Amino acid sequence: MRHDQYQAMYDLEDRFWWYRGMRSVTASLLDSYLDQREPITMLDVGCGTGYSVAWLRRRYRIRRAYGIDVSPAAAEFWPSRGVDTAAIASASELPFVDGQFDLVTCFDVTYQFTHERCAMTLSEIRRVLRPGGLFFIREPAYQWMRGSHDIAVATAHRYTRKELKAALAAAGYSLLRSSYANSLMFWAAIPHRLISRITAREDSDVRAISGWLDTAFGSALAIEARLLRRIAFPFGLSVVALSRRP
């Protein structure tokens, strides 16, 4: 990922519609499976600026919240997020003992990897999960939806729901829920992605937009989050899955 993207993330993570909405999507799945009466230990793999570590720690009864990211550029932001339990490390070589975590999250990370390294990462995450521990993963969907944003963030592969489920099964996880997300605006996003590819732009989608658009887009994702408690979407710009280590 380009280093300037970490600054863009840091500037917008607390207020940009996509980040707000995707946190709602994550919570809509995790809330049903996490016993919030019991304190847990968690790890965010590819934690970026550390926002998700801090957010999960606040939302759930996290006894110890850790993060790892391979980028020193990302690590520069951890102190200002109040995250002092993160380390610079590889997702495919986690510096933790077996069975250490009740919950592991991975938000838009393995799409930057080869299939082989993705398999290694999923295996490593399974190793550090305790038996019965939960794993939440979110990745961008559909290889044919590649656009300028994928150049900016160094996308190697965008996933289908079927591919992500197969990767989790091969790594030994028991699937609990899977769905596409960011579905209500899917058709509107297609022209934007295709045009950016044709014009060979390299702009990121992580940039501020007008207030009314931000509110409208955020509301659409909030609606999706509520619906995801009961249904799975058949298409979308992202694919999410919640699984368990048997």
Protein backbone atom coordinates (compact mmCIF):
# COMPACT_ATOMS: atom_id res chain seq x y z
CA MET A 1 0.00 0.00 0.00
CA ARG A 2 1.25 3.49 -0.80
CA HIS A 3 2.41 5.35 2.31
CA ASP A 4 0.12 8.31 1.59
CA GLN A 5 -2.86 6.01 2.02
CA TYR A 6 -2.15 5.60 5.74
CA GLN A 7 -2.40 9.36 6.17
CA ALA A 8 -5.68 9.38 4.22
CA MET A 9 -7.02 6.59 6.43
CA TYR A 10 -5.96 8.37 9.60
CA ASP A 11 -7.63 11.60 8.54
CA LEU A 12 -10.98 9.99 7.66
CA GLU A 13 -11.47 6.79 9.67
CA ASP A 14 -13.58 8.38 12.39
CA ARG A 15 -16.03 10.19 10.08
CA PHE A 16 -15.94 8.91 6.47
CA TRP A 17 -19.14 7.09 5.48
CA TRP A 18 -17.42 3.89 4.36
CA TYR A 19 -15.50 3.41 7.59
CA ARG A 20 -18.53 4.21 9.74
CA GLY A 21 -20.75 1.88 7.74
CA MET A 22 -18.31 -1.00 7.70
CA ARG A 23 -17.91 -0.78 11.46
CA SER A 24 -21.69 -1.16 11.68
CA VAL A 25 -21.52 -4.19 9.37
CA THR A 26 -18.80 -5.75 11.52
CA ALA A 27 -20.74 -5.17 14.72
CA SER A 28 -23.94 -6.59 13.22
CA LEU A 29 -22.20 -9.96 12.84
CA LEU A 30 -19.99 -9.96 15.92
CA ASP A 31 -22.68 -8.86 18.37
CA SER A 32 -24.57 -12.12 17.93
CA TYR A 33 -21.58 -14.33 18.68
CA LEU A 34 -19.51 -12.46 21.28
CA ASP A 35 -20.56 -12.90 24.89
CA GLN A 36 -20.06 -9.33 26.05
CA ARG A 37 -20.30 -10.41 29.68
CA GLU A 38 -16.91 -12.08 29.46
CA PRO A 39 -13.65 -10.16 28.89
CA ILE A 40 -11.72 -11.40 25.86
CA THR A 41 -8.32 -11.11 24.21
CA MET A 42 -8.22 -10.02 20.57
CA LEU A 43 -5.82 -9.39 17.69
CA ASP A 44 -6.31 -7.20 14.63
CA VAL A 45 -4.15 -8.49 11.77
CA GLY A 46 -3.07 -5.70 9.44
CA CYS A 47 -4.23 -3.05 11.89
CA GLY A 48 -3.16 -0.04 9.80
CA THR A 49 -3.34 3.15 11.87
CA GLY A 50 -4.74 1.25 14.86
CA TYR A 51 -8.27 2.65 14.69
CA SER A 52 -9.95 -0.78 14.64
CA VAL A 53 -7.95 -1.95 17.66
CA ALA A 54 -9.14 1.08 19.63
CA TRP A 55 -12.73 0.79 18.36
CA LEU A 56 -13.08 -2.92 19.16
CA ARG A 57 -11.54 -2.36 22.60
CA ARG A 58 -14.18 0.28 23.34
CA ARG A 59 -17.16 -1.59 21.93
CA TYR A 60 -16.54 -4.99 23.50
CA ARG A 61 -15.13 -6.12 26.82
CA ILE A 62 -11.61 -6.53 25.51
CA ARG A 63 -9.21 -7.49 28.26
CA ARG A 64 -6.18 -7.20 25.97
CA ALA A 65 -6.30 -5.80 22.42
CA TYR A 66 -3.31 -6.28 20.12
CA GLY A 67 -2.51 -5.35 16.54
CA ILE A 68 0.14 -6.08 13.95
CA ASP A 69 1.00 -4.42 10.67
CA VAL A 70 3.95 -4.88 8.36
CA SER A 71 4.30 -1.16 7.58
CA PRO A 72 6.44 1.23 9.65
CA ALA A 73 4.36 4.01 8.05
CA ALA A 74 1.27 2.60 9.77
CA ALA A 75 3.09 2.31 13.10
CA GLU A 76 3.71 6.06 13.16
CA PHE A 77 0.00 6.60 13.91
CA TRP A 78 -0.39 4.08 16.76
CA PRO A 79 0.56 6.43 19.64
CA SER A 80 -2.04 9.01 18.62
CA ARG A 81 -4.67 6.25 18.54
CA GLY A 82 -3.75 5.25 22.08
CA VAL A 83 -2.55 1.85 20.85
CA ASP A 84 0.57 0.67 22.68
CA THR A 85 0.06 -3.07 22.12
CA ALA A 86 0.80 -3.23 18.38
CA ALA A 87 3.90 -4.53 16.63
CA ILE A 88 5.47 -4.39 13.19
CA ALA A 89 5.15 -7.98 11.97
CA SER A 90 4.07 -10.11 9.04
CA ALA A 91 0.53 -11.47 8.87
CA SER A 92 1.91 -14.80 7.71
CA GLU A 93 4.39 -15.03 10.64
CA LEU A 94 2.51 -13.87 13.72
CA PRO A 95 4.67 -13.26 16.83
CA PHE A 96 2.24 -14.93 19.25
CA VAL A 97 1.91 -18.32 20.91
CA ASP A 98 -0.67 -20.92 19.93
CA GLY A 99 -4.26 -20.44 21.12
CA GLN A 100 -3.72 -16.94 22.56
CA PHE A 101 -6.80 -15.10 21.24
CA ASP A 102 -10.57 -15.30 21.60
CA LEU A 103 -11.12 -13.06 18.56
CA VAL A 104 -9.01 -12.21 15.51
CA THR A 105 -10.06 -9.63 12.93
CA CYS A 106 -8.61 -8.97 9.49
CA PHE A 107 -9.99 -5.96 7.62
CA ASP A 108 -8.97 -5.68 3.96
CA VAL A 109 -5.55 -7.26 4.21
CA THR A 110 -5.22 -10.55 2.31
CA TYR A 111 -6.41 -8.98 -0.96
CA GLN A 112 -2.83 -7.66 -1.20
CA PHE A 113 -1.37 -11.19 -0.99
CA THR A 114 -0.73 -14.02 -3.40
CA HIS A 115 -2.98 -17.05 -2.92
CA GLU A 116 -0.11 -18.90 -1.27
CA ARG A 117 0.55 -16.14 1.25
CA CYS A 118 -3.16 -15.79 1.93
CA ALA A 119 -3.30 -19.50 2.79
CA MET A 120 -0.31 -19.09 5.11
CA THR A 121 -1.95 -16.10 6.82
CA LEU A 122 -5.24 -17.90 7.40
CA SER A 123 -3.31 -20.85 8.82
CA GLU A 124 -1.33 -18.56 11.16
CA ILE A 125 -4.49 -16.86 12.37
CA ARG A 126 -6.05 -20.25 13.10
CA ARG A 127 -2.94 -21.20 15.06
CA VAL A 128 -3.14 -18.20 17.41
CA LEU A 129 -6.90 -18.59 17.96
CA ARG A 130 -8.01 -20.65 20.92
CA PRO A 131 -10.30 -23.60 20.12
CA GLY A 132 -13.75 -22.09 19.66
CA GLY A 133 -12.27 -18.64 18.96
CA LEU A 134 -13.84 -16.32 16.37
CA PHE A 135 -12.29 -14.99 13.18
CA PHE A 136 -13.84 -12.07 11.26
CA ILE A 137 -12.49 -11.23 7.81
CA ARG A 138 -13.49 -8.59 5.24
CA GLU A 139 -12.04 -8.30 1.74
CA PRO A 140 -12.93 -6.37 -1.46
CA ALA A 141 -15.14 -8.29 -3.88
CA TYR A 142 -14.93 -9.25 -7.57
CA GLN A 143 -11.73 -9.14 -9.57
CA TRP A 144 -13.59 -7.50 -12.46
CA MET A 145 -14.33 -4.52 -10.17
CA ARG A 146 -10.69 -3.46 -10.10
CA GLY A 147 -10.20 0.29 -10.55
CA SER A 148 -7.91 3.19 -9.67
CA HIS A 149 -8.34 2.54 -5.94
CA ASP A 150 -6.85 -0.93 -6.37
CA ILE A 151 -3.69 0.59 -7.83
CA ALA A 152 -3.39 2.98 -4.88
CA VAL A 153 -3.73 0.19 -2.30
CA ALA A 154 -1.79 -2.51 -4.21
CA THR A 155 -4.62 -4.98 -4.73
CA ALA A 156 -3.49 -8.44 -5.82
CA HIS A 157 -6.87 -10.18 -5.81
CA ARG A 158 -10.49 -9.25 -5.11
CA TYR A 159 -12.56 -12.14 -3.76
CA THR A 160 -15.88 -13.72 -4.50
CA ARG A 161 -17.88 -15.08 -1.59
CA LYS A 162 -17.29 -18.59 -2.90
CA GLU A 163 -13.52 -18.05 -3.00
CA LEU A 164 -13.37 -16.67 0.52
CA LYS A 165 -15.48 -19.52 1.90
CA ALA A 166 -13.25 -22.05 0.14
CA ALA A 167 -10.09 -20.44 1.53
CA LEU A 168 -11.49 -20.55 5.07
CA ALA A 169 -12.57 -24.17 4.70
CA ALA A 170 -9.14 -25.16 3.37
CA ALA A 171 -7.52 -23.52 6.40
CA GLY A 172 -9.70 -25.55 8.77
CA TYR A 173 -12.29 -22.99 9.92
CA SER A 174 -15.95 -23.66 10.64
CA LEU A 175 -18.02 -21.02 8.84
CA LEU A 176 -20.72 -19.24 10.85
CA ARG A 177 -21.82 -16.40 8.54
CA SER A 178 -20.79 -15.00 5.17
CA SER A 179 -22.22 -12.31 2.93
CA TYR A 180 -21.44 -9.57 0.49
CA ALA A 181 -21.65 -6.03 1.86
CA ASN A 182 -21.87 -2.49 0.50
CA SER A 183 -24.59 -3.85 -1.76
CA LEU A 184 -27.15 -1.06 -2.03
CA MET A 185 -24.74 1.14 -3.99
CA PHE A 186 -23.19 -1.70 -5.98
CA TRP A 187 -24.66 -0.78 -9.37
CA ALA A 188 -23.77 2.88 -8.97
CA ALA A 189 -20.15 1.95 -8.26
CA ILE A 190 -19.67 -0.13 -11.42
CA PRO A 191 -19.37 2.83 -13.87
CA HIS A 192 -16.98 4.65 -11.52
CA ARG A 193 -14.67 1.64 -11.27
CA LEU A 194 -14.73 0.84 -14.99
CA ILE A 195 -14.13 4.45 -16.05
CA SER A 196 -11.20 4.79 -13.65
CA ARG A 197 -9.69 1.64 -15.15
CA ILE A 198 -10.13 2.83 -18.72
CA THR A 199 -8.57 6.22 -17.95
CA ALA A 200 -5.70 4.52 -16.06
CA ARG A 201 -6.12 6.73 -13.01
CA GLU A 202 -4.38 5.86 -9.75
CA ASP A 203 -6.62 7.80 -7.33
CA SER A 204 -7.79 6.30 -4.06
CA ASP A 205 -11.49 6.23 -3.15
CA VAL A 206 -10.55 7.28 0.39
CA ARG A 207 -11.18 11.00 0.13
CA ALA A 208 -13.73 13.37 1.60
CA ILE A 209 -17.01 13.95 -0.23
CA SER A 210 -19.85 16.44 0.23
CA GLY A 211 -21.75 16.24 3.51
CA TRP A 212 -25.09 15.18 2.08
CA LEU A 213 -23.52 12.39 0.03
CA ASP A 214 -21.56 11.18 3.04
CA THR A 215 -24.77 11.08 5.08
CA ALA A 216 -26.71 9.27 2.33
CA PHE A 217 -24.03 6.66 1.71
CA GLY A 218 -23.54 6.10 5.43
CA SER A 219 -27.28 5.63 5.92
CA ALA A 220 -27.34 2.98 3.18
CA LEU A 221 -24.63 0.99 4.94
CA ALA A 222 -26.38 1.39 8.29
CA ILE A 223 -29.52 -0.14 6.75
CA GLU A 224 -27.45 -3.00 5.36
CA ALA A 225 -25.92 -3.62 8.78
CA ARG A 226 -29.36 -4.04 10.33
CA LEU A 227 -30.48 -6.37 7.53
CA LEU A 228 -27.31 -8.46 7.81
CA ARG A 229 -28.42 -9.64 11.24
CA ARG A 230 -31.02 -11.74 9.44
CA ILE A 231 -30.03 -12.15 5.77
CA ALA A 232 -27.01 -12.43 3.46
CA PHE A 233 -26.63 -10.22 0.41
CA PRO A 234 -26.03 -11.93 -2.98
CA PHE A 235 -23.62 -9.26 -4.28
CA GLY A 236 -21.68 -6.24 -3.06
CA LEU A 237 -18.40 -4.35 -3.15
CA SER A 238 -17.01 -6.25 -0.16
CA VAL A 239 -17.29 -9.80 1.13
CA VAL A 240 -17.34 -10.61 4.84
CA ALA A 241 -17.18 -13.85 6.78
CA LEU A 242 -17.32 -14.87 10.43
CA SER A 243 -15.90 -18.27 11.27
CA ARG A 244 -14.73 -20.27 14.26
CA ARG A 245 -11.71 -22.41 15.01
CA PRO A 246 -13.22 -25.82 15.78
